[in-house]
N, C-alpha and C. Protein backbone atom coordinates (compact mmCIF):
# COMPACT_ATOMS: atom_id res chain seq x y z
N UNK A 1 -73.29 19.88 -31.33
CA UNK A 1 -72.50 20.72 -30.44
C UNK A 1 -71.41 19.93 -29.93
N UNK A 2 -70.53 20.35 -30.18
CA UNK A 2 -68.73 20.17 -29.75
C UNK A 2 -68.41 19.74 -28.54
N UNK A 3 -67.87 18.50 -28.34
CA UNK A 3 -67.31 18.37 -27.10
C UNK A 3 -65.94 18.68 -26.96
N UNK A 4 -65.26 18.51 -25.56
CA UNK A 4 -64.59 19.38 -25.23
C UNK A 4 -63.43 18.06 -25.00
N UNK A 5 -62.03 18.36 -25.50
CA UNK A 5 -60.98 17.17 -25.57
C UNK A 5 -60.84 17.04 -24.21
N UNK A 6 -60.42 16.16 -23.85
CA UNK A 6 -60.26 15.56 -22.29
C UNK A 6 -58.44 14.87 -22.60
N UNK A 7 -57.62 15.74 -21.43
CA UNK A 7 -56.47 15.16 -21.47
C UNK A 7 -56.16 13.57 -20.89
N UNK A 8 -55.20 13.05 -21.68
CA UNK A 8 -55.13 11.21 -20.45
C UNK A 8 -55.20 11.74 -19.01
N UNK A 9 -55.16 12.53 -18.43
CA UNK A 9 -55.16 12.59 -17.16
C UNK A 9 -56.57 12.44 -16.48
N UNK A 10 -57.56 13.22 -17.35
CA UNK A 10 -58.50 13.79 -16.96
C UNK A 10 -59.35 12.11 -17.30
N UNK A 11 -59.20 11.69 -18.57
CA UNK A 11 -59.72 10.64 -18.99
C UNK A 11 -59.58 9.53 -18.08
N UNK A 12 -58.46 9.51 -17.63
CA UNK A 12 -58.04 8.37 -16.11
C UNK A 12 -58.89 8.37 -15.07
N UNK A 13 -58.78 10.02 -14.76
CA UNK A 13 -59.16 10.27 -13.43
C UNK A 13 -60.93 9.81 -13.79
N UNK A 14 -61.71 9.58 -15.05
CA UNK A 14 -62.73 9.78 -15.15
C UNK A 14 -63.00 7.82 -14.95
N UNK A 15 -62.07 7.28 -15.44
CA UNK A 15 -62.33 6.14 -15.29
C UNK A 15 -62.06 5.62 -13.94
N UNK A 16 -61.56 5.64 -13.37
CA UNK A 16 -61.08 5.81 -11.82
C UNK A 16 -62.53 5.62 -10.92
N UNK A 17 -62.99 7.22 -11.51
CA UNK A 17 -64.41 7.48 -10.67
C UNK A 17 -65.59 6.38 -11.06
N UNK A 18 -65.70 5.98 -12.29
CA UNK A 18 -66.49 5.30 -12.51
C UNK A 18 -66.12 3.97 -12.26
N UNK A 19 -65.20 3.44 -11.94
CA UNK A 19 -64.89 2.08 -11.53
C UNK A 19 -65.31 2.20 -10.02
N UNK A 20 -64.49 3.17 -9.18
CA UNK A 20 -65.24 3.25 -7.53
C UNK A 20 -66.47 3.13 -7.44
N UNK A 21 -67.12 3.73 -8.17
CA UNK A 21 -68.58 4.03 -8.35
C UNK A 21 -69.01 1.95 -8.46
N UNK A 22 -68.40 1.79 -9.29
CA UNK A 22 -68.72 0.35 -9.23
C UNK A 22 -68.55 -0.52 -8.83
N UNK A 23 -67.25 -0.50 -8.09
CA UNK A 23 -66.95 -1.37 -6.65
C UNK A 23 -67.43 -0.82 -5.74
N UNK A 24 -68.45 0.31 -5.31
CA UNK A 24 -69.18 0.45 -3.81
C UNK A 24 -70.64 0.09 -4.09
N UNK A 25 -71.15 -0.28 -5.53
CA UNK A 25 -72.41 -0.40 -5.68
C UNK A 25 -71.96 -1.87 -5.60
N UNK A 26 -71.36 -2.32 -6.46
CA UNK A 26 -70.75 -4.22 -5.87
C UNK A 26 -70.43 -4.53 -4.50
N UNK A 27 -70.13 -3.80 -3.96
CA UNK A 27 -69.94 -4.06 -2.52
C UNK A 27 -71.23 -3.67 -1.62
N UNK A 28 -71.88 -2.85 -2.24
CA UNK A 28 -73.25 -2.39 -1.50
C UNK A 28 -74.05 -4.12 -0.79
N UNK A 29 -74.47 -3.35 0.47
CA UNK A 29 -75.22 -4.82 0.86
C UNK A 29 -76.84 -4.72 0.14
N UNK A 30 -76.86 -5.06 -1.16
CA UNK A 30 -78.09 -5.51 -1.54
C UNK A 30 -78.94 -6.05 -0.94
N UNK A 31 -78.79 -7.06 -0.25
CA UNK A 31 -79.39 -7.84 0.05
C UNK A 31 -80.48 -7.41 1.40
N UNK A 32 -79.82 -6.20 1.74
CA UNK A 32 -80.33 -5.46 3.20
C UNK A 32 -80.88 -3.97 2.89
N UNK A 33 -82.29 -3.90 2.88
CA UNK A 33 -82.69 -2.94 2.68
C UNK A 33 -82.24 -1.45 2.94
N UNK A 34 -81.53 -0.54 2.03
CA UNK A 34 -81.07 0.58 3.05
C UNK A 34 -82.23 1.79 3.91
N UNK A 35 -81.92 2.23 4.71
CA UNK A 35 -82.72 3.32 5.62
C UNK A 35 -82.97 4.85 5.01
N UNK A 36 -83.99 4.90 5.00
CA UNK A 36 -84.31 6.46 4.87
C UNK A 36 -83.82 6.85 6.05
N UNK A 37 -82.93 8.04 5.90
CA UNK A 37 -82.27 8.66 7.14
C UNK A 37 -82.70 10.13 7.16
N UNK A 38 -83.37 10.80 8.19
CA UNK A 38 -83.33 12.30 8.06
C UNK A 38 -81.95 12.67 8.17
N UNK A 39 -82.58 13.73 7.05
CA UNK A 39 -81.01 15.05 7.05
C UNK A 39 -81.56 16.39 7.21
N UNK A 40 -80.77 17.28 7.62
CA UNK A 40 -81.32 18.76 8.02
C UNK A 40 -82.32 19.30 6.64
N UNK A 41 -83.29 19.88 6.71
CA UNK A 41 -84.02 20.31 5.87
C UNK A 41 -83.50 21.86 4.93
N UNK A 42 -82.70 21.50 3.48
CA UNK A 42 -81.87 22.27 2.74
C UNK A 42 -82.13 21.96 1.76
N UNK A 43 -81.80 23.23 0.82
CA UNK A 43 -82.47 23.15 -0.59
C UNK A 43 -80.79 22.92 -1.15
N UNK A 44 -81.47 22.22 -2.32
CA UNK A 44 -79.88 21.89 -3.17
C UNK A 44 -79.33 22.81 -3.76
N UNK A 45 -78.30 22.47 -3.59
CA UNK A 45 -77.32 23.88 -4.06
C UNK A 45 -76.17 22.66 -5.01
N UNK A 46 -75.27 23.88 -6.16
CA UNK A 46 -75.05 23.10 -7.23
C UNK A 46 -75.89 22.56 -8.26
N UNK A 47 -76.71 22.62 -7.98
CA UNK A 47 -77.88 22.05 -9.56
C UNK A 47 -78.36 23.11 -10.39
N UNK A 48 -77.81 24.89 -10.49
CA UNK A 48 -78.99 25.47 -10.97
C UNK A 48 -77.60 25.73 -12.24
N UNK A 49 -78.66 25.53 -13.41
CA UNK A 49 -78.09 25.61 -14.88
C UNK A 49 -78.48 24.05 -15.18
N UNK A 50 -78.68 22.70 -14.31
CA UNK A 50 -78.43 21.86 -14.55
C UNK A 50 -79.51 20.68 -15.27
N UNK A 51 -79.70 19.91 -15.89
CA UNK A 51 -80.91 19.57 -16.67
C UNK A 51 -81.85 19.19 -15.14
N UNK A 52 -81.36 18.90 -13.82
CA UNK A 52 -82.28 18.44 -12.60
C UNK A 52 -82.94 19.59 -12.55
N UNK A 53 -82.17 20.81 -12.50
CA UNK A 53 -82.90 21.94 -12.08
C UNK A 53 -83.91 22.55 -13.01
N UNK A 54 -83.90 22.45 -14.67
CA UNK A 54 -84.97 22.20 -15.44
C UNK A 54 -86.41 21.80 -15.11
N UNK A 55 -85.96 20.04 -14.59
CA UNK A 55 -87.21 19.12 -14.20
C UNK A 55 -87.73 19.82 -13.04
N UNK A 56 -87.08 20.31 -12.42
CA UNK A 56 -87.39 20.47 -11.11
C UNK A 56 -88.15 21.83 -10.97
N UNK A 57 -88.20 22.89 -11.65
CA UNK A 57 -88.80 24.24 -11.67
C UNK A 57 -90.62 23.88 -12.30
N UNK A 58 -90.73 22.71 -13.07
CA UNK A 58 -91.99 23.08 -13.27
C UNK A 58 -92.91 21.94 -12.16
N UNK A 59 -92.04 21.18 -11.01
CA UNK A 59 -92.52 20.63 -10.20
C UNK A 59 -92.84 21.20 -9.12
N UNK A 60 -92.68 22.43 -8.79
CA UNK A 60 -92.47 23.75 -8.09
C UNK A 60 -93.80 22.99 -7.17
N UNK A 61 -93.71 23.30 -5.35
CA UNK A 61 -95.21 22.88 -4.63
C UNK A 61 -95.15 21.61 -4.06
N UNK A 62 -94.77 20.39 -5.60
CA UNK A 62 -94.47 18.38 -5.50
C UNK A 62 -93.30 18.29 -4.69
N UNK A 63 -93.65 17.16 -3.85
CA UNK A 63 -92.62 16.43 -3.34
C UNK A 63 -91.96 15.71 -4.34
N UNK A 64 -90.70 15.23 -4.19
CA UNK A 64 -89.76 14.66 -5.39
C UNK A 64 -88.89 13.75 -4.71
N UNK A 65 -88.64 12.86 -5.15
CA UNK A 65 -88.15 11.96 -4.76
C UNK A 65 -86.85 11.81 -6.24
N UNK A 66 -85.46 11.75 -5.43
CA UNK A 66 -84.55 11.91 -7.06
C UNK A 66 -83.69 10.43 -6.71
N UNK A 67 -83.48 9.63 -7.86
CA UNK A 67 -82.91 8.45 -7.36
C UNK A 67 -82.05 8.10 -8.74
N UNK A 68 -80.37 8.29 -7.72
CA UNK A 68 -79.33 8.40 -8.50
C UNK A 68 -78.87 6.67 -9.11
N UNK A 69 -78.76 6.57 -10.30
CA UNK A 69 -78.14 4.47 -10.22
C UNK A 69 -78.02 4.87 -11.54
N UNK A 70 -77.73 3.61 -11.84
CA UNK A 70 -76.63 2.86 -13.65
C UNK A 70 -77.33 1.71 -13.85
N UNK A 71 -77.41 1.55 -15.09
CA UNK A 71 -77.75 0.00 -15.68
C UNK A 71 -76.97 -0.91 -14.96
N UNK A 72 -75.49 -0.69 -14.78
CA UNK A 72 -74.42 -1.44 -14.55
C UNK A 72 -74.71 -1.70 -13.42
N UNK A 73 -75.61 -1.29 -12.75
CA UNK A 73 -75.79 -1.45 -11.04
C UNK A 73 -76.86 -2.38 -10.53
N UNK A 74 -76.54 -3.61 -10.06
CA UNK A 74 -77.43 -4.52 -9.84
C UNK A 74 -78.46 -3.98 -9.19
N UNK A 75 -78.46 -3.72 -7.84
CA UNK A 75 -79.29 -3.21 -6.97
C UNK A 75 -79.97 -2.06 -7.57
N UNK A 76 -79.63 -1.16 -8.53
CA UNK A 76 -80.32 -0.19 -8.78
C UNK A 76 -81.14 -0.62 -9.65
N UNK A 77 -80.89 -1.58 -10.52
CA UNK A 77 -81.77 -2.22 -11.26
C UNK A 77 -82.79 -2.84 -11.01
N UNK A 78 -82.27 -3.64 -9.97
CA UNK A 78 -83.93 -4.50 -8.77
C UNK A 78 -84.64 -3.23 -8.48
N UNK A 79 -84.37 -2.13 -7.61
CA UNK A 79 -85.08 -1.19 -7.08
C UNK A 79 -85.81 -0.53 -8.36
N UNK A 80 -85.97 -0.43 -9.58
CA UNK A 80 -86.11 0.52 -10.89
C UNK A 80 -87.51 0.48 -11.18
N UNK A 81 -88.18 -0.77 -10.94
CA UNK A 81 -89.67 -1.18 -10.78
C UNK A 81 -90.30 -0.76 -9.92
N UNK A 82 -89.85 -0.56 -8.91
CA UNK A 82 -90.44 -0.50 -7.74
C UNK A 82 -90.72 0.82 -7.38
N UNK A 83 -89.75 1.89 -7.54
CA UNK A 83 -89.69 3.48 -7.97
C UNK A 83 -90.83 3.85 -8.79
N UNK A 84 -91.23 3.16 -9.71
CA UNK A 84 -92.12 3.21 -10.91
C UNK A 84 -93.52 3.39 -10.18
N UNK A 85 -93.25 2.18 -9.45
CA UNK A 85 -95.00 1.91 -8.82
C UNK A 85 -95.21 2.83 -7.49
N UNK A 86 -94.09 3.21 -7.21
CA UNK A 86 -94.25 4.22 -5.59
C UNK A 86 -94.90 5.50 -6.56
N UNK A 87 -94.21 6.02 -7.57
CA UNK A 87 -94.72 7.07 -8.31
C UNK A 87 -96.44 7.17 -8.64
N UNK A 88 -96.50 5.66 -9.19
CA UNK A 88 -98.40 5.68 -9.36
C UNK A 88 -98.97 5.70 -7.76
N UNK A 89 -98.29 5.26 -7.09
CA UNK A 89 -98.85 4.95 -5.72
C UNK A 89 -99.44 6.13 -4.66
N UNK A 90 -98.36 7.05 -5.08
CA UNK A 90 -98.59 7.77 -4.41
C UNK A 90 -98.68 9.08 -5.36
N UNK A 91 -99.70 9.00 -6.57
CA UNK A 91 -99.61 10.34 -6.92
C UNK A 91 -100.79 11.16 -6.60
N UNK A 92 -101.79 10.37 -5.71
CA UNK A 92 -102.79 11.42 -5.08
C UNK A 92 -101.86 12.98 -4.05
N UNK A 93 -101.07 12.02 -3.85
CA UNK A 93 -99.69 13.34 -2.68
C UNK A 93 -99.16 14.20 -3.94
N UNK A 94 -99.59 13.83 -5.57
CA UNK A 94 -98.72 14.55 -6.31
C UNK A 94 -96.92 14.55 -6.10
N UNK A 95 -96.65 13.40 -5.74
CA UNK A 95 -95.49 12.86 -5.84
C UNK A 95 -94.66 12.90 -7.00
N UNK A 96 -93.72 13.25 -7.18
CA UNK A 96 -92.97 13.60 -8.62
C UNK A 96 -91.53 12.51 -8.32
N UNK A 97 -91.24 11.15 -9.17
CA UNK A 97 -89.90 10.57 -9.03
C UNK A 97 -89.22 10.65 -10.36
N UNK A 98 -87.91 11.43 -10.44
CA UNK A 98 -86.94 11.52 -11.48
C UNK A 98 -85.74 10.94 -10.88
N UNK A 99 -85.30 10.33 -11.91
CA UNK A 99 -83.58 9.34 -11.84
C UNK A 99 -82.93 10.52 -12.19
N UNK A 100 -81.63 9.73 -12.19
CA UNK A 100 -80.09 10.42 -12.36
C UNK A 100 -79.44 9.38 -12.58
N UNK A 101 -79.30 9.20 -14.21
CA UNK A 101 -78.58 7.80 -14.42
C UNK A 101 -76.84 8.43 -14.31
N UNK A 102 -76.38 7.70 -13.55
CA UNK A 102 -74.63 8.42 -13.55
C UNK A 102 -73.69 7.57 -13.99
N UNK A 103 -72.88 7.76 -14.72
CA UNK A 103 -71.59 6.95 -15.52
C UNK A 103 -72.02 5.87 -15.89
N UNK A 104 -73.16 5.77 -17.09
CA UNK A 104 -73.95 5.40 -17.77
C UNK A 104 -73.92 5.61 -19.26
N UNK A 105 -73.64 4.67 -19.93
CA UNK A 105 -74.01 4.47 -21.50
C UNK A 105 -74.97 4.47 -21.95
N UNK A 106 -75.62 6.17 -22.71
CA UNK A 106 -76.55 5.99 -23.16
C UNK A 106 -77.52 4.92 -24.10
N UNK A 107 -77.10 4.03 -24.66
CA UNK A 107 -77.73 3.06 -25.23
C UNK A 107 -77.67 2.06 -24.84
N UNK A 108 -77.18 1.78 -23.54
CA UNK A 108 -77.27 0.43 -22.11
C UNK A 108 -78.54 0.80 -21.50
N UNK A 109 -78.47 2.33 -20.71
CA UNK A 109 -79.94 3.01 -20.47
C UNK A 109 -80.85 2.68 -20.64
N UNK A 110 -81.09 3.01 -22.25
CA UNK A 110 -82.46 3.11 -23.19
C UNK A 110 -82.45 1.57 -22.95
N UNK A 111 -81.80 0.87 -23.42
CA UNK A 111 -82.03 -0.43 -23.66
C UNK A 111 -82.90 -1.19 -22.18
N UNK A 112 -82.18 -0.91 -21.13
CA UNK A 112 -82.86 -1.31 -19.69
C UNK A 112 -84.19 -0.81 -19.68
N UNK A 113 -84.23 0.50 -20.07
CA UNK A 113 -85.74 1.06 -19.30
C UNK A 113 -86.70 0.58 -20.67
N UNK A 114 -86.17 0.31 -21.79
CA UNK A 114 -87.47 -0.15 -22.61
C UNK A 114 -87.48 -1.63 -22.11
N UNK A 115 -86.59 -2.45 -21.81
CA UNK A 115 -86.78 -3.68 -21.61
C UNK A 115 -87.71 -4.03 -20.55
N UNK A 116 -87.60 -3.32 -19.69
CA UNK A 116 -88.38 -3.09 -18.43
C UNK A 116 -89.31 -1.90 -18.36
N UNK A 117 -90.12 -1.58 -19.09
CA UNK A 117 -90.71 -0.52 -19.30
C UNK A 117 -91.09 0.64 -18.52
N UNK A 118 -89.64 1.37 -17.91
CA UNK A 118 -89.63 1.98 -16.92
C UNK A 118 -89.55 3.65 -17.68
N UNK A 119 -90.69 4.45 -17.10
CA UNK A 119 -91.29 5.76 -17.72
C UNK A 119 -90.82 6.75 -17.13
N UNK A 120 -89.86 6.87 -16.07
CA UNK A 120 -89.71 7.75 -15.36
C UNK A 120 -88.46 8.81 -16.01
N UNK A 121 -88.45 10.12 -15.70
CA UNK A 121 -88.07 11.00 -16.09
C UNK A 121 -86.51 10.74 -15.68
N UNK A 122 -85.33 10.72 -16.97
CA UNK A 122 -83.55 10.13 -16.59
C UNK A 122 -82.99 11.51 -16.96
N UNK A 123 -82.03 11.73 -16.05
CA UNK A 123 -81.25 12.72 -16.05
C UNK A 123 -79.60 11.85 -16.29
N UNK A 124 -79.06 12.50 -17.73
CA UNK A 124 -78.15 11.66 -18.24
C UNK A 124 -77.17 12.38 -17.40
N UNK A 125 -76.19 12.30 -16.29
CA UNK A 125 -75.30 12.68 -15.52
C UNK A 125 -73.79 11.19 -15.73
N UNK A 126 -73.52 11.43 -17.10
CA UNK A 126 -72.45 10.50 -17.74
C UNK A 126 -70.66 10.86 -17.00
N UNK A 127 -70.80 12.15 -16.72
CA UNK A 127 -69.67 13.11 -16.46
C UNK A 127 -69.69 13.08 -15.03
N UNK A 128 -70.97 13.00 -14.59
CA UNK A 128 -71.01 12.98 -12.90
C UNK A 128 -70.92 13.87 -11.98
N UNK A 129 -71.23 15.02 -12.86
CA UNK A 129 -71.38 16.63 -12.48
C UNK A 129 -72.11 16.64 -11.03
N UNK A 130 -73.59 16.25 -11.90
CA UNK A 130 -74.67 16.81 -10.91
C UNK A 130 -74.24 15.62 -9.48
N UNK A 131 -74.27 14.36 -9.85
CA UNK A 131 -73.94 13.30 -8.58
C UNK A 131 -72.84 14.28 -7.43
N UNK A 132 -71.50 14.53 -8.10
CA UNK A 132 -70.67 14.89 -7.39
C UNK A 132 -70.80 16.36 -6.28
N UNK A 133 -71.57 17.11 -7.10
CA UNK A 133 -72.34 18.38 -6.74
C UNK A 133 -73.17 18.13 -5.24
N UNK A 134 -74.04 16.78 -5.57
CA UNK A 134 -74.64 16.74 -4.57
C UNK A 134 -74.06 15.60 -3.66
N UNK A 135 -73.20 15.34 -3.51
CA UNK A 135 -72.48 14.32 -2.60
C UNK A 135 -72.63 13.19 -2.63
N UNK A 136 -73.20 12.40 -3.92
CA UNK A 136 -73.03 11.00 -4.29
C UNK A 136 -72.22 10.43 -4.69
N UNK A 137 -72.03 9.07 -4.03
CA UNK A 137 -70.97 8.59 -3.81
C UNK A 137 -71.05 6.83 -4.02
N UNK A 138 -72.47 6.60 -3.62
CA UNK A 138 -72.50 5.28 -3.67
C UNK A 138 -74.09 5.08 -4.51
N UNK A 139 -74.16 4.24 -5.28
CA UNK A 139 -75.51 3.74 -6.22
C UNK A 139 -76.07 2.54 -5.78
N UNK A 140 -77.22 2.65 -5.39
CA UNK A 140 -78.17 3.67 -5.51
C UNK A 140 -77.99 4.66 -4.02
N UNK A 141 -78.60 6.18 -4.37
CA UNK A 141 -78.33 7.16 -3.98
C UNK A 141 -80.09 7.24 -3.67
N UNK A 142 -80.55 7.96 -2.80
CA UNK A 142 -81.62 8.75 -2.99
C UNK A 142 -82.43 9.89 -2.34
N UNK A 143 -82.54 10.90 -2.62
CA UNK A 143 -83.17 11.86 -1.77
C UNK A 143 -84.11 12.28 -1.94
N UNK A 144 -84.73 12.48 -0.78
CA UNK A 144 -86.92 12.52 -1.05
C UNK A 144 -86.60 14.47 -0.19
N UNK A 145 -87.37 15.37 -0.98
CA UNK A 145 -87.46 16.42 -1.09
C UNK A 145 -88.74 16.84 -0.74
N UNK A 146 -89.05 17.77 0.11
CA UNK A 146 -90.46 18.35 0.64
C UNK A 146 -91.38 19.02 -0.70
N UNK A 147 -92.29 19.56 -0.30
CA UNK A 147 -92.93 20.22 -1.35
C UNK A 147 -92.05 22.03 -1.41
N UNK A 148 -91.36 22.14 -0.68
CA UNK A 148 -90.58 23.52 -1.17
C UNK A 148 -89.16 23.02 -1.48
N UNK A 149 -88.79 21.93 -1.88
CA UNK A 149 -87.55 21.11 -2.74
C UNK A 149 -86.53 21.16 -1.78
N UNK A 150 -86.92 21.20 -0.33
CA UNK A 150 -85.70 20.72 0.32
C UNK A 150 -85.70 19.19 0.59
N UNK A 151 -84.02 19.04 1.13
CA UNK A 151 -83.94 17.47 0.96
C UNK A 151 -84.37 17.70 2.25
N UNK A 152 -84.93 16.10 2.98
CA UNK A 152 -85.29 15.76 3.87
C UNK A 152 -85.21 14.40 4.63
N UNK A 153 -85.11 13.95 3.26
CA UNK A 153 -84.35 11.98 3.61
C UNK A 153 -83.19 11.94 2.96
N UNK A 154 -82.58 10.80 2.85
CA UNK A 154 -81.41 10.08 2.54
C UNK A 154 -81.42 9.12 2.38
N UNK A 155 -81.11 8.17 1.74
CA UNK A 155 -80.45 6.80 1.63
C UNK A 155 -79.29 6.06 0.48
N UNK A 156 -78.47 5.86 0.84
CA UNK A 156 -77.60 5.20 0.08
C UNK A 156 -77.67 3.04 0.40
N UNK A 157 -78.32 3.07 -1.15
CA UNK A 157 -78.26 1.83 -1.48
C UNK A 157 -79.86 1.66 -1.69
N UNK A 158 -80.27 0.14 -2.24
CA UNK A 158 -81.80 0.20 -2.62
C UNK A 158 -82.37 0.20 -0.82
N UNK A 159 -83.54 0.44 -1.91
CA UNK A 159 -85.05 0.65 -0.64
C UNK A 159 -86.24 -0.18 -0.73
N UNK A 160 -86.38 -0.68 0.38
CA UNK A 160 -87.67 -1.54 -0.14
C UNK A 160 -88.85 -0.70 -0.26
N UNK A 161 -88.84 -0.37 -1.31
CA UNK A 161 -90.30 0.58 -1.52
C UNK A 161 -91.69 0.57 -1.05
N UNK A 162 -91.77 -1.04 -0.74
CA UNK A 162 -92.74 -1.71 -0.79
C UNK A 162 -93.22 -1.40 0.97
N UNK A 163 -92.20 -1.30 1.67
CA UNK A 163 -92.71 -1.49 2.94
C UNK A 163 -93.07 -0.54 3.83
N UNK A 164 -93.89 -0.70 4.74
CA UNK A 164 -94.49 0.01 5.36
C UNK A 164 -94.08 0.91 6.35
N UNK A 165 -92.44 0.45 6.61
CA UNK A 165 -91.50 1.67 7.23
C UNK A 165 -91.38 2.80 6.66
N UNK A 166 -90.99 2.04 5.37
CA UNK A 166 -90.95 3.44 4.12
C UNK A 166 -92.01 4.18 3.95
N UNK A 167 -93.40 3.76 3.76
CA UNK A 167 -94.40 4.46 3.49
C UNK A 167 -94.49 5.53 4.77
N UNK A 168 -94.34 5.02 5.90
CA UNK A 168 -94.60 5.76 7.46
C UNK A 168 -93.23 7.15 6.91
N UNK A 169 -92.57 6.47 6.87
CA UNK A 169 -91.37 7.99 6.86
C UNK A 169 -91.90 8.87 5.61
N UNK A 170 -91.72 8.20 3.98
CA UNK A 170 -92.31 9.02 3.49
C UNK A 170 -93.70 9.85 3.68
N UNK A 171 -94.89 9.43 4.29
CA UNK A 171 -95.87 10.24 4.59
C UNK A 171 -95.39 10.97 5.32
N UNK A 172 -94.74 11.04 6.54
CA UNK A 172 -94.05 12.27 7.60
C UNK A 172 -93.68 13.25 6.71
N UNK A 173 -93.04 13.26 5.42
CA UNK A 173 -92.37 14.61 4.81
C UNK A 173 -93.78 14.54 3.41
N UNK A 174 -93.86 14.21 3.27
CA UNK A 174 -95.11 14.25 1.75
C UNK A 174 -96.13 14.69 1.82
N UNK A 175 -97.01 14.45 3.49
CA UNK A 175 -98.51 14.73 3.46
C UNK A 175 -98.13 16.31 3.77
N UNK A 176 -99.17 17.13 3.11
CA UNK A 176 -99.10 18.57 3.69
C UNK A 176 -99.38 18.60 4.96
N UNK A 177 -98.60 19.97 5.59
CA UNK A 177 -98.68 20.28 7.09
C UNK A 177 -100.26 20.51 7.01
N UNK A 178 -101.07 20.01 8.56
CA UNK A 178 -102.00 20.21 9.02
C UNK A 178 -102.14 21.56 9.07
N UNK A 179 -103.89 22.09 8.37
CA UNK A 179 -103.67 23.56 8.99
C UNK A 179 -104.20 24.22 10.52
N UNK A 180 -103.41 25.23 11.05
CA UNK A 180 -103.83 25.51 12.02
C UNK A 180 -104.86 26.51 12.77
N UNK A 181 -105.54 25.75 13.02
CA UNK A 181 -106.82 27.11 13.15
C UNK A 181 -106.75 27.43 14.40
N UNK A 182 -107.11 28.55 14.64
CA UNK A 182 -106.82 29.62 16.04
C UNK A 182 -108.38 29.48 16.89
N UNK A 183 -107.95 29.41 17.93
CA UNK A 183 -109.24 29.58 18.88
C UNK A 183 -110.69 30.29 18.64
N UNK A 184 -112.01 30.30 18.62
CA UNK A 184 -112.57 31.56 18.67
C UNK A 184 -112.67 32.42 20.03
N UNK A 185 -113.13 33.98 19.67
CA UNK A 185 -112.67 34.39 20.92
C UNK A 185 -113.99 34.57 21.02
């Protein structure tokens, strides 16, 4: 496949974006865990035809966590093993965990994943098209989608995936709703 040649201005803009992401990652309060916040339930937009779209299609009816990260981001690296464990712990609820590597080099990314035995699906967002489309401005950023693939929770910063509070928040979104039974007449 042939790559487009970028003008010097576009290359510079790309470098500036990567530097700002790095700075945001470096300045994030890594010691304090991020909080999963409620967001209005809505379907993802701007992902049609992307690798994310093709990974979500076979996961119809399943809740999904999408984590935006980079191998050069320390809080992201620290969070990755816990994300993998989360997927294992919540397997019965059919939770799927997907990751999006933002502004990363493929070789560095592969090296990190191999060294830490991370087996989560990774979407390469080197050019930051997907992260921009979904409003990701800080790494790590996490989106929690319900069974209808509507965004329900969002966090900016590393999350303590082992926390009881996080489990409670996830349970409210991930467990199927109770069936309503009509009273007998």
